[in-house]
Protein backbone atom coordinates (compact mmCIF):
# COMPACT_ATOMS: atom_id res chain seq x y z
CA MET A 1 -9.55 -15.91 -16.90
CA VAL A 2 -13.22 -13.91 -17.35
CA SER A 3 -13.32 -11.25 -15.46
CA GLY A 4 -17.26 -11.38 -15.08
CA GLN A 5 -17.65 -12.01 -11.64
CA SER A 6 -20.89 -11.11 -10.04
CA ASP A 7 -20.55 -8.38 -7.10
CA ALA A 8 -20.71 -10.85 -4.22
CA LEU A 9 -17.38 -11.72 -5.13
CA ARG A 10 -15.66 -8.76 -5.83
CA GLY A 11 -15.66 -7.29 -1.66
CA ARG A 12 -12.62 -4.69 -0.70
CA GLY A 13 -11.59 -3.49 2.50
CA SER A 14 -8.34 -2.36 4.46
CA GLY A 15 -5.58 -4.18 2.88
CA TYR A 16 -8.07 -5.81 0.29
CA LEU A 17 -9.34 -8.27 2.61
CA LYS A 18 -12.94 -8.38 4.47
CA ARG A 19 -14.61 -11.32 6.51
CA TYR A 20 -17.35 -12.82 4.55
CA GLY A 21 -19.40 -15.00 6.07
CA GLY A 22 -18.91 -16.88 9.46
CA ASN A 23 -15.68 -18.15 9.29
CA THR A 24 -13.19 -15.73 9.73
CA HIS A 25 -9.78 -18.15 9.10
CA LYS A 26 -10.68 -19.28 5.57
CA LEU A 27 -9.74 -17.30 2.89
CA THR A 28 -10.77 -16.28 -0.88
CA ARG A 29 -8.05 -14.84 -3.46
CA GLN A 30 -10.15 -11.99 -5.32
CA GLU A 31 -10.30 -8.95 -7.14
CA ASN A 32 -7.78 -6.99 -9.57
CA CYS A 33 -3.90 -9.25 -9.64
CA GLY A 34 -3.69 -9.16 -5.71
CA LYS A 35 -6.52 -7.71 -4.29
CA ARG A 36 -8.31 -10.04 -2.36
CA THR A 37 -11.03 -10.49 0.04
CA ILE A 38 -11.71 -13.42 2.69
CA ARG A 39 -14.82 -15.47 1.62
CA SER A 40 -15.82 -18.85 2.51
CA ILE A 41 -14.70 -21.91 4.74
CA HIS A 42 -11.30 -22.38 3.86
CA SER A 43 -9.51 -21.23 0.58
CA ARG A 44 -8.73 -18.24 -1.23
CA PHE A 45 -8.86 -18.02 -4.79
CA ARG A 46 -8.60 -14.79 -7.12
CA PRO A 47 -11.07 -13.63 -9.54
CA ILE A 48 -8.92 -10.85 -11.01
CA GLY A 49 -9.03 -7.98 -13.33
CA ASP A 50 -9.03 -8.55 -17.28
CA GLY A 51 -7.13 -11.63 -17.72
CA GLY A 52 -4.47 -10.32 -18.53
CA VAL A 53 -0.76 -12.42 -17.84
CA ALA A 54 1.29 -10.24 -15.87
CA LEU A 55 4.87 -10.37 -16.70
CA SER A 56 8.56 -10.51 -15.91
CA ASN A 57 9.29 -9.82 -12.20
CA HIS A 58 12.08 -8.94 -10.84
CA VAL A 59 13.11 -7.77 -7.47
CA GLY A 60 15.74 -5.60 -6.18
CA GLY A 61 18.89 -3.85 -8.33
CA THR A 62 18.25 -6.79 -10.73
CA TRP A 63 14.58 -7.47 -9.84
CA PHE A 64 13.68 -11.36 -9.45
CA ASP A 65 14.52 -13.06 -12.65
CA SER A 66 14.25 -13.09 -16.69
CA ARG A 67 11.22 -11.77 -17.58
CA VAL A 68 7.67 -13.44 -19.26
CA VAL A 69 5.75 -12.33 -21.94
CA ASN A 70 3.37 -9.40 -21.25
CA LYS A 71 0.03 -8.82 -21.83
CA GLU A 72 -0.92 -5.32 -20.69
CA THR A 73 -3.57 -2.92 -21.43
CA CYS A 74 -2.77 -0.21 -18.65
CA SER A 75 -0.89 3.25 -19.56
CA ASP A 76 -0.83 6.59 -19.40
CA ARG A 77 -1.52 9.44 -22.05
CA ILE A 78 1.22 11.68 -22.15
CA HIS A 79 1.16 15.40 -23.75
CA ARG A 80 4.36 16.32 -25.41
CA THR A 81 5.60 19.05 -27.24
CA THR A 82 4.70 18.78 -30.80
CA SER A 83 4.35 22.13 -32.35
CA PRO A 84 6.04 22.89 -35.61
CA ASP A 85 7.85 25.72 -34.37
CA ASN A 86 9.88 23.49 -32.08
CA ASN A 87 13.20 21.81 -33.19
CA SER A 88 13.16 18.52 -32.59
CA ILE A 89 16.54 17.38 -31.06
CA PHE A 90 16.72 13.45 -32.26
CA LEU A 91 19.41 11.18 -30.59
CA SER A 92 21.22 10.34 -33.52
CA ASP A 93 22.02 13.62 -34.21
CA LEU A 94 23.82 14.48 -30.36
CA THR A 95 27.23 13.71 -29.82
CA ALA A 96 28.08 11.91 -26.21
CA ARG A 97 28.38 14.18 -23.43
CA PRO A 98 30.99 13.25 -21.08
CA ARG A 99 29.44 14.63 -18.27
CA VAL A 100 29.02 13.78 -14.62
CA VAL A 101 26.37 14.71 -12.47
CA ASP A 102 25.29 14.01 -9.10
CA GLY A 103 28.17 11.68 -8.00
CA GLN A 104 28.03 9.71 -10.90
CA SER A 105 31.86 9.06 -12.04
CA ARG A 106 33.21 8.82 -15.02
CA ASP A 107 34.09 5.17 -14.08
CA SER A 108 31.03 4.00 -13.36
CA ARG A 109 29.89 5.42 -16.42
CA LYS A 110 31.76 2.87 -18.29
CA ARG A 111 31.59 0.00 -15.82
CA GLY A 112 28.92 -2.90 -17.57
CA SER A 113 28.87 -1.01 -21.19
CA GLY A 114 30.63 -4.06 -22.45
CA TYR A 115 27.32 -5.35 -24.48
CA LEU A 116 26.30 -1.91 -25.62
CA LYS A 117 29.62 -1.41 -27.13
CA ARG A 118 29.48 -4.82 -29.23
CA LEU A 119 26.20 -3.55 -30.05
CA GLU A 120 28.51 -1.23 -32.33
CA LYS A 121 30.26 -3.89 -34.45
CA ARG A 122 28.97 -6.83 -36.21
CA ASP A 123 29.78 -8.83 -38.92
CA GLY A 124 33.46 -9.37 -38.32
CA GLY A 125 33.91 -6.14 -36.84
CA ARG A 126 32.18 -3.84 -39.46
CA ALA A 127 30.62 -0.59 -37.94
CA TYR A 128 27.40 -1.01 -37.36
CA GLU A 129 25.18 2.12 -36.61
CA LEU A 130 23.08 2.34 -34.12
CA SER A 131 19.36 3.09 -34.97
CA ARG A 132 17.88 6.41 -33.34
CA LYS A 133 15.62 4.18 -30.65
CA GLN A 134 18.70 2.39 -29.91
CA LYS A 135 20.62 5.77 -29.20
CA ILE A 136 17.53 7.01 -27.51
CA LEU A 137 17.27 4.14 -25.10
CA ARG A 138 21.07 4.40 -24.55
CA ARG A 139 20.87 8.16 -23.49
CA ILE A 140 17.80 7.28 -21.07
CA VAL A 141 19.83 4.75 -18.83
CA SER A 142 23.28 6.78 -19.42
CA GLU A 143 22.57 10.70 -19.41
CA PRO A 144 22.22 12.94 -16.23
CA ILE A 145 18.43 13.35 -15.49
CA PRO A 146 18.06 17.02 -16.40
CA LEU A 147 19.82 17.01 -19.87
CA MET A 148 17.65 13.72 -20.81
CA ALA A 149 14.55 15.26 -19.81
CA GLN A 150 15.28 18.29 -21.92
CA ILE A 151 15.49 16.07 -24.94
CA MET A 152 12.53 14.25 -24.08
CA GLN A 153 10.45 17.56 -24.34
CA GLN A 154 11.31 17.87 -27.51
CA LEU A 155 11.15 14.70 -29.33
CA ASP A 156 7.92 14.14 -31.49
CA ASP A 157 5.36 11.80 -31.09
CA GLU A 158 6.64 9.14 -34.03
CA THR A 159 9.95 8.93 -32.55
CA VAL A 160 8.49 8.46 -28.95
CA GLU A 161 6.29 6.12 -29.91
CA SER A 162 8.52 3.61 -32.60
CA THR A 163 11.35 4.09 -29.23
CA LYS A 164 8.47 2.52 -27.08
CA GLU A 165 7.47 0.10 -29.88
CA TYR A 166 11.52 -1.24 -29.60
CA LEU A 167 11.55 -1.43 -25.63
CA ARG A 168 8.65 -3.60 -25.76
CA SER A 169 10.43 -5.86 -28.26
CA LEU A 170 13.83 -5.81 -26.23
CA ILE A 171 10.82 -7.08 -23.01
CA THR A 172 9.05 -9.72 -24.95
CA MET A 173 11.33 -10.97 -27.55
CA PRO A 174 13.91 -13.47 -25.81
CA GLU A 175 16.87 -13.50 -28.60
CA ARG A 176 16.81 -9.58 -27.36
CA ILE A 177 17.53 -10.26 -23.68
CA TYR A 178 21.05 -9.68 -23.53
CA GLU A 179 20.47 -5.96 -25.03
CA PHE A 180 18.16 -5.41 -22.58
CA VAL A 181 19.75 -6.82 -19.41
CA SER A 182 22.24 -4.63 -20.24
CA LEU A 183 20.06 -1.23 -20.48
CA GLN A 184 18.89 -2.78 -16.85
CA ASN A 185 23.00 -2.92 -15.98
CA ARG A 186 23.47 0.23 -16.49
CA LEU A 187 20.44 1.52 -14.42
CA ASP A 188 21.96 -0.40 -11.86
CA GLU A 189 25.34 1.23 -12.24
CA ARG A 190 24.14 4.87 -11.21
CA SER A 191 23.98 6.61 -7.90
CA ASP A 192 22.14 9.44 -8.94
CA LEU A 193 18.48 8.12 -9.35
CA THR A 194 17.02 9.28 -6.09
CA ASN A 195 13.34 10.33 -5.27
CA GLN A 196 14.56 13.72 -5.57
CA THR A 197 16.07 13.25 -8.97
CA LEU A 198 13.31 11.25 -10.29
CA LEU A 199 10.70 13.76 -9.32
CA ASN A 200 12.49 15.82 -11.69
CA CYS A 201 11.74 13.81 -14.64
CA HIS A 202 9.94 14.35 -17.99
CA LYS A 203 7.26 11.75 -17.29
CA ILE A 204 7.89 10.00 -20.84
CA GLN A 205 11.55 9.73 -19.44
CA LEU A 206 10.25 8.17 -16.29
CA GLU A 207 8.20 5.57 -17.73
CA PHE A 208 11.14 4.66 -20.06
CA LEU A 209 13.37 4.36 -17.12
CA VAL A 210 10.03 2.16 -14.62
CA SER A 211 9.68 0.07 -17.84
CA ILE A 212 13.13 -1.24 -18.14
CA ARG A 213 14.15 -1.42 -14.52
CA THR A 214 11.02 -3.61 -14.20
CA GLY A 215 10.84 -5.46 -17.44
CA LEU A 216 7.19 -4.74 -17.52
CA GLY A 217 5.84 -2.90 -20.93
CA SER A 218 2.76 -2.52 -19.26
CA PHE A 219 4.13 1.52 -18.43
CA LEU A 220 4.23 2.36 -21.92
CA SER A 221 0.65 1.80 -22.92
CA GLU A 222 -1.77 4.68 -23.39
CA ASN A 223 -4.27 3.15 -20.92
CA THR A 224 -2.17 3.52 -17.80
CA ARG A 225 -2.69 6.28 -15.90
CA LEU A 226 -0.05 6.38 -12.91
CA LEU A 227 1.18 9.57 -10.97
CA THR A 228 4.52 10.61 -11.24
CA SER A 229 4.84 9.71 -7.45
CA GLU A 230 3.71 6.58 -7.98
CA LEU A 231 6.07 5.79 -11.13
CA VAL A 232 9.25 7.02 -8.84
CA GLU A 233 8.04 4.76 -5.92
CA ILE A 234 7.39 1.79 -8.33
CA PHE A 235 11.08 2.34 -9.91
CA LEU A 236 12.82 2.61 -6.33
CA LEU A 237 10.77 -0.54 -5.42
CA GLU A 238 8.91 1.31 -2.53
CA ARG A 239 5.54 0.26 -4.40
CA CYS A 240 4.67 -3.03 -6.24
CA ARG A 241 4.85 -2.91 -9.83
CA ASN A 242 2.10 -4.97 -10.73
CA ILE A 243 -0.62 -2.54 -11.93
CA LYS A 244 -3.56 -4.06 -10.99
CA CYS A 245 -2.28 -3.92 -7.31
CA ARG A 246 0.38 -0.70 -6.87
CA ARG A 247 0.34 -1.41 -3.24
CA LEU A 248 2.70 0.72 -1.32
CA PHE A 249 5.05 -1.24 1.03
CA PRO A 250 5.37 -0.48 4.73
CA ILE A 251 8.77 0.65 5.86
CA GLU A 252 9.61 -2.15 8.20
CA ASP A 253 7.95 -5.93 7.84
CA ARG A 254 9.82 -7.70 10.03
CA GLY A 255 7.14 -10.30 10.59
CA CYS A 256 7.89 -12.26 7.24
CA LYS A 257 11.35 -13.27 5.95
CA ILE A 258 10.57 -12.95 2.71
CA CYS A 259 8.68 -9.53 2.72
CA SER A 260 11.73 -8.35 4.55
CA THR A 261 14.87 -10.24 2.57
CA LYS A 262 13.20 -9.48 -0.75
CA LYS A 263 12.81 -6.02 -1.65
CA GLY A 264 10.21 -4.94 -4.32
CA PHE A 265 8.36 -8.32 -3.37
CA CYS A 266 4.08 -8.03 -2.86
CA SER A 267 2.86 -10.12 -0.34
CA GLU A 268 -0.55 -9.76 -1.81
CA CYS A 269 -0.02 -10.63 -5.61
CA MET A 270 3.23 -12.06 -6.09
CA CYS A 271 4.32 -15.94 -5.65
CA LEU A 272 6.64 -16.53 -2.58
CA VAL A 273 8.46 -19.45 -4.57
CA CYS A 274 9.20 -17.83 -8.08
CA LEU A 275 8.68 -14.36 -7.11
CA LYS A 276 5.95 -13.56 -10.10
CA PHE A 277 2.76 -12.28 -10.16
CA ASP A 278 -0.09 -12.95 -13.01
CA CYS A 279 -3.93 -12.65 -13.33
CA ALA A 280 -5.08 -15.87 -13.08
CA ASN A 281 -8.06 -15.90 -10.77
CA ASN A 282 -11.20 -17.97 -9.75
CA THR A 283 -8.59 -21.10 -9.73
CA CYS A 284 -7.01 -23.84 -8.05
CA SER A 285 -3.47 -22.91 -9.95
CA TRP A 286 -2.89 -20.50 -6.78
CA VAL A 287 -2.67 -21.51 -3.17
CA GLY A 288 -2.80 -19.31 -0.29
CA CYS A 289 -1.62 -19.57 3.44
CA ASP A 290 -4.59 -19.34 6.15
CA ALA A 291 -2.07 -17.54 8.69
CA CYS A 292 -0.05 -14.81 6.60
CA LEU A 293 -1.98 -14.49 3.53
CA HIS A 294 0.52 -14.95 1.03
CA TRP A 295 0.21 -16.83 -2.06
CA CYS A 296 2.06 -19.21 -4.16
CA HIS A 297 1.56 -21.31 -7.57
CA ALA A 298 0.68 -24.56 -7.08
CA VAL A 299 2.81 -25.75 -9.48
CA CYS A 300 5.81 -23.85 -7.72
CA GLY A 301 4.65 -25.47 -3.85
CA ILE A 302 4.64 -28.85 -6.28
CA ARG A 303 8.01 -28.14 -7.45
CA ARG A 304 9.63 -27.20 -3.88
CA ASN A 305 8.09 -29.80 -1.81
CA LEU A 306 5.52 -27.15 -0.30
CA ILE A 307 2.39 -29.47 -1.19
CA LYS A 308 2.73 -32.49 0.77
CA PRO A 309 0.56 -34.83 3.42
CA GLY A 310 0.80 -33.91 6.84
CA PRO A 311 -0.64 -34.38 10.09
CA SER A 312 -4.60 -33.71 9.92
CA LEU A 313 -5.52 -30.69 11.38
CA LYS A 314 -8.80 -31.96 12.21
CA GLY A 315 -8.84 -35.37 11.55
CA PRO A 316 -8.18 -38.47 14.00
CA SER A 317 -4.41 -38.21 15.33
CA GLY A 318 -1.93 -40.14 13.01
CA THR A 319 -4.16 -39.34 9.96
CA THR A 320 -2.85 -37.12 7.27
CA GLU A 321 -4.02 -34.96 4.54
CA MET A 322 -2.43 -32.53 1.94
CA GLN A 323 -1.23 -29.36 3.32
CA PHE A 324 0.47 -26.37 1.90
CA TYR A 325 3.32 -25.21 3.68
CA CYS A 326 4.12 -21.24 3.70
CA LEU A 327 7.61 -20.18 2.92
CA GLY A 328 6.97 -17.14 4.83
CA CYS A 329 5.50 -18.25 8.16
CA GLY A 330 5.99 -22.33 8.22
CA HIS A 331 2.00 -22.53 8.90
CA ALA A 332 0.29 -25.29 7.05
CA SER A 333 -2.80 -24.80 5.53
CA GLU A 334 -5.06 -27.92 4.31
CA MET A 335 -5.50 -28.14 0.61
CA PHE A 336 -9.18 -30.20 0.65
CA GLY A 337 -11.11 -27.20 1.62
CA PHE A 338 -9.13 -25.10 -0.21
CA VAL A 339 -10.02 -26.96 -3.47
CA LYS A 340 -13.63 -27.71 -2.25
CA ASP A 341 -14.27 -24.33 -1.80
CA VAL A 342 -12.99 -22.94 -5.61
CA PHE A 343 -15.22 -25.42 -7.26
CA MET A 344 -18.01 -24.48 -5.15
CA SER A 345 -17.80 -20.95 -5.47
CA CYS A 346 -16.08 -20.92 -9.41
CA ALA A 347 -16.82 -23.90 -11.59
CA LYS A 348 -20.48 -23.33 -13.23
CA GLU A 349 -18.61 -20.14 -14.42
CA TRP A 350 -15.75 -21.89 -16.06
CA GLY A 351 -16.03 -23.36 -19.85
CA GLU A 352 -14.95 -26.87 -20.53
CA GLY A 353 -11.42 -25.73 -21.36
CA THR A 354 -11.15 -24.26 -17.66
CA LEU A 355 -12.70 -26.75 -16.22
CA MET A 356 -10.35 -29.67 -17.59
CA LYS A 357 -7.45 -27.25 -16.28
CA GLU A 358 -8.76 -27.12 -12.91
CA LEU A 359 -9.45 -30.62 -12.89
CA ASP A 360 -5.45 -31.22 -13.39
CA TYR A 361 -4.58 -28.61 -10.90
CA VAL A 362 -6.61 -31.08 -8.51
CA ARG A 363 -4.85 -34.33 -9.63
CA LYS A 364 -1.27 -32.72 -9.53
CA ILE A 365 -2.07 -31.13 -5.62
CA PHE A 366 -3.40 -34.64 -4.75
CA GLN A 367 -0.63 -36.81 -6.39
CA ARG A 368 1.07 -37.41 -3.05
CA SER A 369 -1.55 -38.02 -1.21
CA GLU A 370 -2.03 -40.81 1.86
CA ASP A 371 -5.34 -40.10 3.27
CA VAL A 372 -8.68 -41.46 1.58
CA LYS A 373 -10.45 -38.83 1.00
CA GLY A 374 -7.31 -37.02 -0.58
CA LYS A 375 -6.94 -40.31 -3.21
CA GLU A 376 -10.85 -40.27 -4.06
CA LEU A 377 -10.62 -36.58 -4.54
CA ARG A 378 -7.33 -37.14 -7.22
CA VAL A 379 -9.11 -40.57 -8.79
CA LYS A 380 -12.31 -38.63 -9.23
CA ALA A 381 -10.99 -35.55 -10.88
CA ASP A 382 -8.70 -37.82 -13.41
CA VAL A 383 -11.76 -40.07 -14.30
CA LEU A 384 -13.83 -36.45 -15.34
CA HIS A 385 -10.92 -35.11 -17.02
CA THR A 386 -10.79 -38.57 -19.10
CA LYS A 387 -14.50 -38.35 -19.86
CA LEU A 388 -14.13 -34.22 -20.70
CA VAL A 389 -11.65 -34.99 -23.13
CA THR A 390 -13.08 -37.75 -24.73
CA LYS A 391 -16.37 -36.18 -24.90
CA MET A 392 -18.41 -38.71 -22.80
CA ILE A 393 -19.82 -36.06 -20.64
CA SER A 394 -20.75 -32.42 -20.72
CA PRO A 395 -19.25 -29.73 -18.41
CA SER A 396 -22.49 -28.84 -16.72
CA ASP A 397 -22.74 -32.53 -16.24
CA ALA A 398 -18.85 -32.91 -14.29
CA CYS A 399 -19.62 -29.74 -12.58
CA ASP A 400 -22.68 -31.93 -10.89
CA PHE A 401 -20.72 -34.82 -10.18
CA ILE A 402 -17.68 -32.48 -8.56
CA PHE A 403 -20.61 -30.67 -6.60
CA GLN A 404 -22.54 -34.13 -5.36
CA LEU A 405 -18.52 -35.23 -4.38
CA PHE A 406 -18.30 -32.67 -2.07
CA SER A 407 -21.76 -32.95 -0.60
CA SER A 408 -22.51 -34.79 2.10
CA LYS A 409 -25.92 -35.97 0.88
CA TYR A 410 -24.88 -38.63 -1.25
CA THR A 411 -22.42 -41.74 -0.19
CA ASN A 412 -19.09 -42.56 -2.54
CA GLN A 413 -20.81 -45.46 -4.05
CA PHE A 414 -23.73 -43.07 -5.48
CA ILE A 415 -21.08 -41.04 -6.74
CA LEU A 416 -19.04 -43.61 -8.29
CA SER A 417 -21.60 -45.48 -10.21
CA LEU A 418 -22.05 -41.75 -11.68
CA LEU A 419 -18.15 -42.09 -12.93
CA ALA A 420 -18.45 -45.69 -14.12
């Protein structure tokens, strides 16, 4: 999604929430990857950042799950020692040091290293020499912080950049997932990575540690400018790993069973079901809870049966409507008003491809609808989608029909005649 929304769609406030208009119980998801405002009558939707796709999202010691390919542009430029007078130390020239510090036992240094050891043998057991980049990464996740900080100071720029590129390939290439997970396991085994020790890291060393821990290559980018303290908090799961959000988590959050049990979960920008974040914005692909302000991918909600017919919140007794049931608090939020707000506020800015995708989300959300209003919306979304695919209607005309559909000025018969 393009990021050129008007300033009116970009309000900020405490907790990234700001009241907009007279109806304060209706929500709108907005701003950079999780920062949002309460905007219109019902819905929340997200005009977010630069449209990059956010990435592998893990939580806890092993984070949430396997990684998703990243597109990031944010990182920090680090000043390194590059003087020709320095004798650069390359990891390929260093022998292994069986050194133990900060309560890290020799046994813990050996656990979980089976895959890394197997990397040293290939082709029927013949010796395989690890590359310098592999050795550097192995030493980063294994060596004591002070020792590795000294080594990092003496690495030249070219070696650092090539190692970053190699780590990015481990993060983004599925065929290298086992090598990457083995690095994460090494970190999980260590007991010396505390706030105090991490603050003594070399900045580049810390960036490598955070990228390995989170599975996000964005921390290696030259455009990311994070303080050392922020990187430490992200590593320790005390701050959101989404660079566009970076929300500092409360010390205790007992009000939500998701926030209180999923360490590293951010209610501002992550999905309640898959626990991932992305930079989708101005879209029906995310649905939100009116009560606790948590978010969920529409497809995740449908898969988990969280978007389904329920007793109408405002309609006559005995009638139903499509609702989103929040995993965090159990509150039901109706979907018709959500879809209406998204289309009325954002559809004019969508291109043809985006409009077709949004209509497809509407079809999926209201697939099981039992009420007349929901069924009509699904049918009309399907008709418009078909006409767009077959070039029988322009995107602007399709938007006009959508606006007429949500307007009380026109009868159903009039709209159906337009779509005939």
